[in-house]
Amino acid sequence: ELYSGASVPFKYKGASQTSIVTGNDSTFAGAGNWNMAYLSGSDVNSTVSGKMYLLGNGSSDVTFIASKLTIGKHYRYSLKARLRSGASTAIRIGGPVSVAGHYSEFTPTGTESTFTGEFTAGNAELQIGLPANGFSGVQFEIDNVLVYPCGAVAEYDGSGVASDKWFD
């Protein structure tokens, strides 16, 4: 049925164009749910006008939102970022950012740019951080974080076929 050119019934299956990161968690216009505990000195800083301020302090330079991802599910993201000071390095987004295959990397410059990519979740935390320790003094601004679950928009449901005939 799929290859004959005949019309076949489809049903929608769980895909959505709605970001799982919304409101202040996305825009940093106010208090959100990002856990800054591992970002000694990094914060959503008012001097950056409502953007996440990611400061490399030399160790554990990662922030996260708990319980946002489903382990094993594929996600795509879009965000804006720029290097504020220091030597640029890659930033990772995913879960976790320390395990290959579970994050995507992008490298901001001094000009704010939009970055997009995909990753497969290895844990439930959505994380943003530097790839390794030792990036002391590098500073980034991050804004408009959007994360979408990937998946089938439509799937053949088989209801238009019987053992002896097809229905249109």
N, C-alpha and C. Protein backbone atom coordinates (compact mmCIF):
# COMPACT_ATOMS: atom_id res chain seq x y z
N GLU A 1 0.81 -1.20 0.00
CA GLU A 1 0.00 0.00 0.00
C GLU A 1 0.85 1.27 0.00
N LEU A 2 1.97 1.22 0.70
CA LEU A 2 2.79 2.41 0.80
C LEU A 2 3.45 2.77 -0.53
N TYR A 3 3.69 1.79 -1.38
CA TYR A 3 4.43 2.04 -2.61
C TYR A 3 3.57 2.06 -3.86
N SER A 4 2.28 1.73 -3.76
CA SER A 4 1.43 1.60 -4.95
C SER A 4 0.92 2.93 -5.48
N GLY A 5 0.98 3.98 -4.68
CA GLY A 5 0.42 5.26 -5.10
C GLY A 5 -1.01 5.43 -4.65
N ALA A 6 -1.61 4.40 -4.08
CA ALA A 6 -2.98 4.51 -3.58
C ALA A 6 -3.00 5.39 -2.35
N SER A 7 -4.15 5.98 -2.07
CA SER A 7 -4.26 6.79 -0.87
C SER A 7 -4.27 5.86 0.34
N VAL A 8 -3.57 6.26 1.37
CA VAL A 8 -3.50 5.46 2.58
C VAL A 8 -3.78 6.34 3.79
N PRO A 9 -4.43 5.78 4.80
CA PRO A 9 -4.73 6.58 6.00
C PRO A 9 -3.49 6.77 6.87
N PHE A 10 -3.35 7.97 7.40
CA PHE A 10 -2.26 8.28 8.32
C PHE A 10 -2.84 8.82 9.61
N LYS A 11 -2.14 8.68 10.69
CA LYS A 11 -2.52 9.28 11.95
C LYS A 11 -1.32 10.06 12.49
N TYR A 12 -1.58 11.08 13.28
CA TYR A 12 -0.49 11.85 13.87
C TYR A 12 0.05 11.11 15.08
N LYS A 13 1.36 11.18 15.25
CA LYS A 13 2.00 10.42 16.32
C LYS A 13 2.97 11.29 17.11
N GLY A 14 2.48 11.96 18.10
CA GLY A 14 3.29 12.59 19.12
C GLY A 14 4.25 13.70 18.76
N ALA A 15 4.51 14.01 17.53
CA ALA A 15 5.44 15.09 17.21
C ALA A 15 4.75 16.42 17.41
N SER A 16 5.53 17.42 17.72
CA SER A 16 4.96 18.72 18.03
C SER A 16 5.97 19.80 17.66
N GLN A 17 5.47 20.98 17.39
CA GLN A 17 6.35 22.12 17.14
C GLN A 17 6.41 23.02 18.36
N THR A 18 6.07 22.48 19.54
CA THR A 18 6.09 23.23 20.78
C THR A 18 7.36 22.91 21.55
N SER A 19 8.09 23.95 21.90
CA SER A 19 9.34 23.77 22.65
C SER A 19 9.05 23.27 24.06
N ILE A 20 9.92 22.40 24.58
CA ILE A 20 9.80 21.96 25.96
C ILE A 20 10.44 22.96 26.92
N VAL A 21 11.16 23.94 26.38
CA VAL A 21 11.74 25.02 27.18
C VAL A 21 10.96 26.28 26.82
N THR A 22 10.28 26.86 27.81
CA THR A 22 9.40 28.00 27.55
C THR A 22 9.62 29.10 28.58
N GLY A 23 8.95 30.22 28.37
CA GLY A 23 8.95 31.33 29.33
C GLY A 23 10.34 31.81 29.68
N ASN A 24 10.54 32.08 30.96
CA ASN A 24 11.82 32.60 31.44
C ASN A 24 12.96 31.59 31.30
N ASP A 25 12.64 30.30 31.22
CA ASP A 25 13.68 29.30 30.99
C ASP A 25 14.27 29.46 29.59
N SER A 26 13.50 30.02 28.68
CA SER A 26 13.95 30.25 27.31
C SER A 26 14.56 31.64 27.12
N THR A 27 13.85 32.65 27.64
CA THR A 27 14.23 34.04 27.36
C THR A 27 15.08 34.70 28.43
N PHE A 28 15.13 34.11 29.62
CA PHE A 28 15.90 34.65 30.74
C PHE A 28 15.45 36.06 31.13
N ALA A 29 14.16 36.35 30.88
CA ALA A 29 13.61 37.66 31.23
C ALA A 29 13.35 37.78 32.73
N GLY A 30 13.38 36.68 33.45
CA GLY A 30 13.16 36.68 34.89
C GLY A 30 13.63 35.35 35.45
N ALA A 31 13.26 35.08 36.69
CA ALA A 31 13.68 33.84 37.34
C ALA A 31 13.15 32.63 36.58
N GLY A 32 13.98 31.65 36.39
CA GLY A 32 13.60 30.43 35.70
C GLY A 32 14.02 29.22 36.51
N ASN A 33 14.11 28.08 35.84
CA ASN A 33 14.41 26.82 36.51
C ASN A 33 15.80 26.28 36.25
N TRP A 34 16.68 27.07 35.61
CA TRP A 34 18.04 26.61 35.37
C TRP A 34 18.76 26.51 36.71
N ASN A 35 19.41 25.39 36.98
CA ASN A 35 20.16 25.18 38.22
C ASN A 35 21.58 25.67 37.99
N MET A 36 21.94 26.72 38.70
CA MET A 36 23.26 27.33 38.53
C MET A 36 24.26 26.82 39.56
N ALA A 37 23.91 25.76 40.30
CA ALA A 37 24.76 25.28 41.39
C ALA A 37 26.16 24.91 40.93
N TYR A 38 26.29 24.44 39.69
CA TYR A 38 27.60 24.02 39.20
C TYR A 38 28.33 25.13 38.48
N LEU A 39 27.78 26.32 38.47
CA LEU A 39 28.36 27.43 37.72
C LEU A 39 28.90 28.50 38.66
N SER A 40 29.78 28.17 39.52
CA SER A 40 30.32 29.14 40.46
C SER A 40 30.64 30.43 39.73
N GLY A 41 29.91 31.47 40.03
CA GLY A 41 30.14 32.77 39.39
C GLY A 41 29.33 32.95 38.12
N SER A 42 28.74 31.90 37.58
CA SER A 42 27.92 32.03 36.39
C SER A 42 26.47 32.19 36.80
N ASP A 43 25.74 32.96 36.07
CA ASP A 43 24.38 33.25 36.50
C ASP A 43 23.62 33.91 35.37
N VAL A 44 22.33 34.08 35.58
CA VAL A 44 21.57 34.99 34.75
C VAL A 44 21.83 36.34 35.37
N ASN A 45 22.63 37.14 34.70
CA ASN A 45 23.20 38.34 35.29
C ASN A 45 22.52 39.56 34.71
N SER A 46 22.04 40.45 35.57
CA SER A 46 21.29 41.62 35.13
C SER A 46 22.11 42.53 34.21
N THR A 47 23.44 42.51 34.31
CA THR A 47 24.25 43.36 33.45
C THR A 47 24.25 42.85 32.00
N VAL A 48 23.72 41.66 31.79
CA VAL A 48 23.68 41.09 30.45
C VAL A 48 22.28 41.26 29.84
N SER A 49 21.39 41.98 30.50
CA SER A 49 20.06 42.29 29.99
C SER A 49 19.24 41.05 29.66
N GLY A 50 18.98 40.23 30.64
CA GLY A 50 18.09 39.11 30.46
C GLY A 50 18.64 37.99 29.60
N LYS A 51 19.89 37.68 29.72
CA LYS A 51 20.50 36.56 29.00
C LYS A 51 21.24 35.69 30.02
N MET A 52 21.39 34.42 29.71
CA MET A 52 22.22 33.58 30.57
C MET A 52 23.67 34.01 30.39
N TYR A 53 24.36 34.17 31.49
CA TYR A 53 25.76 34.57 31.49
C TYR A 53 26.55 33.33 31.89
N LEU A 54 27.22 32.70 30.94
CA LEU A 54 27.99 31.49 31.18
C LEU A 54 29.46 31.86 31.31
N LEU A 55 29.99 31.72 32.51
CA LEU A 55 31.37 32.09 32.81
C LEU A 55 32.16 30.84 33.10
N GLY A 56 33.21 30.60 32.33
CA GLY A 56 34.09 29.47 32.61
C GLY A 56 34.95 29.79 33.82
N ASN A 57 34.82 28.99 34.87
CA ASN A 57 35.60 29.24 36.08
C ASN A 57 36.66 28.17 36.30
N GLY A 58 36.80 27.26 35.33
CA GLY A 58 37.84 26.26 35.44
C GLY A 58 37.39 24.89 35.89
N SER A 59 36.13 24.77 36.39
CA SER A 59 35.63 23.45 36.79
C SER A 59 34.11 23.42 36.78
N SER A 60 33.55 22.31 36.36
CA SER A 60 32.11 22.07 36.39
C SER A 60 31.29 23.22 35.81
N ASP A 61 31.66 23.67 34.63
CA ASP A 61 30.98 24.80 34.01
C ASP A 61 29.76 24.32 33.23
N VAL A 62 28.71 23.93 33.96
CA VAL A 62 27.50 23.43 33.34
C VAL A 62 26.29 23.85 34.16
N THR A 63 25.18 24.15 33.49
CA THR A 63 23.92 24.43 34.15
C THR A 63 22.89 23.48 33.57
N PHE A 64 21.77 23.29 34.28
CA PHE A 64 20.77 22.34 33.79
C PHE A 64 19.37 22.67 34.30
N ILE A 65 18.40 22.11 33.60
CA ILE A 65 17.01 22.08 34.06
C ILE A 65 16.68 20.61 34.26
N ALA A 66 16.25 20.24 35.46
CA ALA A 66 15.94 18.85 35.78
C ALA A 66 14.65 18.39 35.09
N SER A 67 14.58 17.12 34.78
CA SER A 67 13.37 16.44 34.30
C SER A 67 12.76 17.06 33.05
N LYS A 68 13.57 17.50 32.10
CA LYS A 68 13.07 18.06 30.84
C LYS A 68 13.12 17.05 29.70
N LEU A 69 14.05 16.10 29.75
CA LEU A 69 14.28 15.20 28.62
C LEU A 69 13.81 13.79 28.95
N THR A 70 13.52 13.03 27.90
CA THR A 70 13.21 11.61 28.02
C THR A 70 14.42 10.84 27.52
N ILE A 71 14.97 9.98 28.35
CA ILE A 71 16.17 9.22 27.98
C ILE A 71 15.92 8.43 26.71
N GLY A 72 16.84 8.54 25.75
CA GLY A 72 16.75 7.83 24.48
C GLY A 72 16.01 8.59 23.40
N LYS A 73 15.31 9.67 23.74
CA LYS A 73 14.57 10.46 22.75
C LYS A 73 15.52 11.44 22.07
N HIS A 74 15.23 11.72 20.80
CA HIS A 74 16.04 12.64 20.00
C HIS A 74 15.41 14.04 20.06
N TYR A 75 16.23 15.07 20.18
CA TYR A 75 15.77 16.45 20.29
C TYR A 75 16.54 17.34 19.32
N ARG A 76 15.90 18.43 18.90
CA ARG A 76 16.60 19.46 18.14
C ARG A 76 16.47 20.76 18.92
N TYR A 77 17.44 21.63 18.77
CA TYR A 77 17.45 22.87 19.54
C TYR A 77 17.75 24.06 18.64
N SER A 78 17.42 25.22 19.15
CA SER A 78 17.77 26.50 18.54
C SER A 78 18.04 27.45 19.71
N LEU A 79 19.10 28.22 19.61
CA LEU A 79 19.39 29.22 20.64
C LEU A 79 20.28 30.29 20.04
N LYS A 80 20.35 31.43 20.74
CA LYS A 80 21.26 32.50 20.35
C LYS A 80 22.39 32.55 21.36
N ALA A 81 23.60 32.80 20.86
CA ALA A 81 24.76 32.89 21.76
C ALA A 81 25.82 33.79 21.16
N ARG A 82 26.64 34.34 22.04
CA ARG A 82 27.80 35.11 21.60
C ARG A 82 28.88 35.03 22.65
N LEU A 83 30.12 35.14 22.19
CA LEU A 83 31.28 35.21 23.07
C LEU A 83 31.34 36.63 23.62
N ARG A 84 31.40 36.75 24.93
CA ARG A 84 31.46 38.06 25.56
C ARG A 84 32.91 38.47 25.81
N SER A 85 33.74 37.51 26.26
CA SER A 85 35.17 37.79 26.45
C SER A 85 35.92 36.47 26.58
N GLY A 86 37.23 36.55 26.38
CA GLY A 86 38.09 35.37 26.45
C GLY A 86 38.22 34.70 25.09
N ALA A 87 38.95 33.59 25.06
CA ALA A 87 39.16 32.83 23.83
C ALA A 87 37.98 31.90 23.62
N SER A 88 37.36 31.96 22.46
CA SER A 88 36.16 31.17 22.21
C SER A 88 36.47 29.67 22.26
N THR A 89 35.51 28.94 22.76
CA THR A 89 35.55 27.48 22.79
C THR A 89 34.15 26.98 22.49
N ALA A 90 34.02 25.71 22.29
CA ALA A 90 32.70 25.15 22.02
C ALA A 90 31.86 25.14 23.29
N ILE A 91 30.57 25.27 23.11
CA ILE A 91 29.58 25.09 24.17
C ILE A 91 28.78 23.86 23.79
N ARG A 92 28.37 23.08 24.77
CA ARG A 92 27.57 21.89 24.51
C ARG A 92 26.17 22.05 25.07
N ILE A 93 25.20 21.46 24.37
CA ILE A 93 23.83 21.37 24.86
C ILE A 93 23.38 19.93 24.68
N GLY A 94 22.68 19.41 25.66
CA GLY A 94 22.18 18.04 25.59
C GLY A 94 21.98 17.48 26.97
N GLY A 95 22.15 16.19 27.08
CA GLY A 95 21.99 15.57 28.38
C GLY A 95 22.57 14.17 28.40
N PRO A 96 23.69 13.95 29.06
CA PRO A 96 24.59 14.94 29.67
C PRO A 96 25.62 15.47 28.66
N VAL A 97 26.18 16.63 28.96
CA VAL A 97 27.15 17.24 28.05
C VAL A 97 28.54 16.65 28.20
N SER A 98 28.68 15.67 29.09
CA SER A 98 29.99 15.04 29.29
C SER A 98 30.09 13.67 28.62
N VAL A 99 29.02 13.20 27.97
CA VAL A 99 29.01 11.87 27.37
C VAL A 99 28.78 11.98 25.86
N ALA A 100 29.76 11.54 25.07
CA ALA A 100 29.66 11.60 23.61
C ALA A 100 28.36 10.95 23.13
N GLY A 101 27.75 11.57 22.13
CA GLY A 101 26.51 11.05 21.56
C GLY A 101 25.27 11.63 22.21
N HIS A 102 25.43 12.32 23.33
CA HIS A 102 24.27 12.86 24.03
C HIS A 102 24.26 14.39 24.08
N TYR A 103 25.07 15.01 23.23
CA TYR A 103 25.10 16.47 23.18
C TYR A 103 25.42 16.93 21.76
N SER A 104 25.19 18.21 21.54
CA SER A 104 25.58 18.88 20.30
C SER A 104 26.48 20.04 20.69
N GLU A 105 27.45 20.37 19.85
CA GLU A 105 28.38 21.47 20.14
C GLU A 105 28.21 22.61 19.14
N PHE A 106 28.46 23.82 19.61
CA PHE A 106 28.50 24.99 18.75
C PHE A 106 29.54 25.94 19.33
N THR A 107 30.12 26.80 18.48
CA THR A 107 31.18 27.70 18.93
C THR A 107 30.81 29.14 18.61
N PRO A 108 30.36 29.90 19.61
CA PRO A 108 29.99 31.31 19.40
C PRO A 108 31.20 32.20 19.15
N THR A 109 30.98 33.26 18.42
CA THR A 109 31.98 34.31 18.21
C THR A 109 31.50 35.56 18.93
N GLY A 110 32.13 36.69 18.69
CA GLY A 110 31.74 37.95 19.33
C GLY A 110 30.44 38.52 18.82
N THR A 111 29.90 37.98 17.75
CA THR A 111 28.62 38.44 17.20
C THR A 111 27.53 37.45 17.59
N GLU A 112 26.42 37.94 18.14
CA GLU A 112 25.33 37.04 18.49
C GLU A 112 24.82 36.33 17.25
N SER A 113 24.75 35.01 17.31
CA SER A 113 24.29 34.19 16.19
C SER A 113 23.33 33.14 16.70
N THR A 114 22.51 32.62 15.79
CA THR A 114 21.59 31.53 16.11
C THR A 114 22.27 30.21 15.77
N PHE A 115 22.21 29.29 16.70
CA PHE A 115 22.79 27.96 16.53
C PHE A 115 21.68 26.92 16.63
N THR A 116 21.77 25.91 15.79
CA THR A 116 20.79 24.82 15.80
C THR A 116 21.54 23.49 15.73
N GLY A 117 20.90 22.44 16.18
CA GLY A 117 21.49 21.12 16.13
C GLY A 117 20.56 20.09 16.75
N GLU A 118 21.06 18.87 16.89
CA GLU A 118 20.27 17.78 17.44
C GLU A 118 21.12 16.95 18.39
N PHE A 119 20.46 16.28 19.32
CA PHE A 119 21.13 15.37 20.24
C PHE A 119 20.13 14.32 20.71
N THR A 120 20.65 13.23 21.25
CA THR A 120 19.83 12.17 21.84
C THR A 120 20.08 12.17 23.34
N ALA A 121 19.02 12.26 24.13
CA ALA A 121 19.15 12.37 25.58
C ALA A 121 19.66 11.09 26.22
N GLY A 122 20.65 11.25 27.08
CA GLY A 122 21.19 10.14 27.86
C GLY A 122 20.77 10.22 29.31
N ASN A 123 20.19 11.36 29.70
CA ASN A 123 19.59 11.51 31.02
C ASN A 123 18.44 12.51 30.92
N ALA A 124 17.77 12.78 32.03
CA ALA A 124 16.59 13.64 32.02
C ALA A 124 16.91 15.13 32.14
N GLU A 125 18.15 15.47 32.45
CA GLU A 125 18.54 16.87 32.60
C GLU A 125 18.91 17.49 31.27
N LEU A 126 18.32 18.63 30.94
CA LEU A 126 18.77 19.42 29.80
C LEU A 126 19.93 20.25 30.31
N GLN A 127 21.11 20.08 29.73
CA GLN A 127 22.31 20.76 30.20
C GLN A 127 22.90 21.67 29.13
N ILE A 128 23.50 22.75 29.59
CA ILE A 128 24.31 23.63 28.74
C ILE A 128 25.62 23.85 29.49
N GLY A 129 26.74 23.66 28.81
CA GLY A 129 28.02 23.86 29.50
C GLY A 129 29.21 23.77 28.59
N LEU A 130 30.37 24.00 29.16
CA LEU A 130 31.63 23.92 28.44
C LEU A 130 32.08 22.48 28.37
N PRO A 131 32.87 22.10 27.34
CA PRO A 131 33.20 20.70 27.13
C PRO A 131 34.10 20.07 28.18
N ALA A 132 34.89 20.85 28.89
CA ALA A 132 35.81 20.28 29.88
C ALA A 132 36.20 21.37 30.87
N ASN A 133 36.83 20.97 31.93
CA ASN A 133 37.33 21.94 32.90
C ASN A 133 38.51 22.71 32.30
N GLY A 134 38.81 23.84 32.90
CA GLY A 134 40.00 24.56 32.50
C GLY A 134 39.76 25.76 31.59
N PHE A 135 38.51 26.16 31.39
CA PHE A 135 38.23 27.31 30.54
C PHE A 135 38.00 28.56 31.37
N SER A 136 38.83 28.79 32.33
CA SER A 136 38.69 29.91 33.23
C SER A 136 38.76 31.24 32.48
N GLY A 137 37.81 32.13 32.77
CA GLY A 137 37.81 33.47 32.20
C GLY A 137 37.01 33.65 30.93
N VAL A 138 36.61 32.57 30.25
CA VAL A 138 35.80 32.72 29.05
C VAL A 138 34.36 33.03 29.47
N GLN A 139 33.72 33.96 28.76
CA GLN A 139 32.36 34.37 29.10
C GLN A 139 31.47 34.34 27.86
N PHE A 140 30.26 33.81 28.02
CA PHE A 140 29.28 33.74 26.93
C PHE A 140 27.95 34.30 27.39
N GLU A 141 27.17 34.79 26.43
CA GLU A 141 25.77 35.15 26.65
C GLU A 141 24.93 34.17 25.85
N ILE A 142 23.87 33.64 26.45
CA ILE A 142 22.98 32.69 25.80
C ILE A 142 21.55 33.18 25.98
N ASP A 143 20.73 33.07 24.93
CA ASP A 143 19.35 33.55 24.98
C ASP A 143 18.47 32.73 24.04
N ASN A 144 17.19 32.83 24.24
CA ASN A 144 16.16 32.22 23.38
C ASN A 144 16.42 30.73 23.14
N VAL A 145 16.56 29.98 24.23
CA VAL A 145 16.79 28.53 24.16
C VAL A 145 15.45 27.84 23.87
N LEU A 146 15.39 27.11 22.75
CA LEU A 146 14.21 26.34 22.38
C LEU A 146 14.65 24.91 22.09
N VAL A 147 13.91 23.93 22.63
CA VAL A 147 14.24 22.52 22.45
C VAL A 147 12.96 21.78 22.07
N TYR A 148 13.01 21.06 20.95
CA TYR A 148 11.83 20.36 20.42
C TYR A 148 12.08 18.86 20.35
N PRO A 149 11.10 18.05 20.79
CA PRO A 149 11.24 16.61 20.59
C PRO A 149 11.12 16.27 19.11
N CYS A 150 11.98 15.41 18.61
CA CYS A 150 11.89 14.94 17.23
C CYS A 150 10.99 13.71 17.20
N GLY A 151 10.42 13.43 16.05
CA GLY A 151 9.57 12.25 15.91
C GLY A 151 8.78 12.30 14.64
N ALA A 152 8.02 11.26 14.42
CA ALA A 152 7.18 11.18 13.23
C ALA A 152 6.01 12.14 13.37
N VAL A 153 5.74 12.88 12.31
CA VAL A 153 4.57 13.74 12.29
C VAL A 153 3.35 12.91 11.94
N ALA A 154 3.50 11.97 11.01
CA ALA A 154 2.40 11.11 10.62
C ALA A 154 2.92 9.69 10.44
N GLU A 155 2.07 8.74 10.71
CA GLU A 155 2.45 7.35 10.60
C GLU A 155 1.30 6.58 9.95
N TYR A 156 1.61 5.67 9.04
CA TYR A 156 0.59 4.84 8.41
C TYR A 156 -0.09 4.00 9.47
N ASP A 157 -1.44 4.01 9.51
CA ASP A 157 -2.13 3.28 10.57
C ASP A 157 -2.76 1.96 10.11
N GLY A 158 -2.76 1.67 8.78
CA GLY A 158 -3.24 0.38 8.31
C GLY A 158 -4.74 0.18 8.28
N SER A 159 -5.52 1.18 8.67
CA SER A 159 -6.98 0.99 8.75
C SER A 159 -7.67 0.95 7.39
N GLY A 160 -6.97 1.30 6.31
CA GLY A 160 -7.60 1.31 4.99
C GLY A 160 -7.40 0.03 4.21
N VAL A 161 -6.95 -1.04 4.86
CA VAL A 161 -6.67 -2.27 4.16
C VAL A 161 -7.33 -3.44 4.89
N ALA A 162 -7.98 -4.30 4.13
CA ALA A 162 -8.51 -5.56 4.68
C ALA A 162 -7.79 -6.70 3.96
N SER A 163 -8.03 -7.93 4.35
CA SER A 163 -7.32 -9.05 3.74
C SER A 163 -7.67 -9.25 2.27
N ASP A 164 -8.86 -8.75 1.84
CA ASP A 164 -9.29 -8.97 0.47
C ASP A 164 -9.51 -7.69 -0.33
N LYS A 165 -9.36 -6.48 0.26
CA LYS A 165 -9.58 -5.24 -0.49
C LYS A 165 -8.96 -4.05 0.22
N TRP A 166 -8.84 -2.95 -0.55
CA TRP A 166 -8.37 -1.68 -0.03
C TRP A 166 -9.55 -0.72 0.02
N PHE A 167 -9.57 0.16 0.98
CA PHE A 167 -10.60 1.18 1.07
C PHE A 167 -9.96 2.53 0.83
N ASP A 168 -10.65 3.40 0.07
CA ASP A 168 -10.15 4.77 -0.18
C ASP A 168 -10.97 5.76 0.61
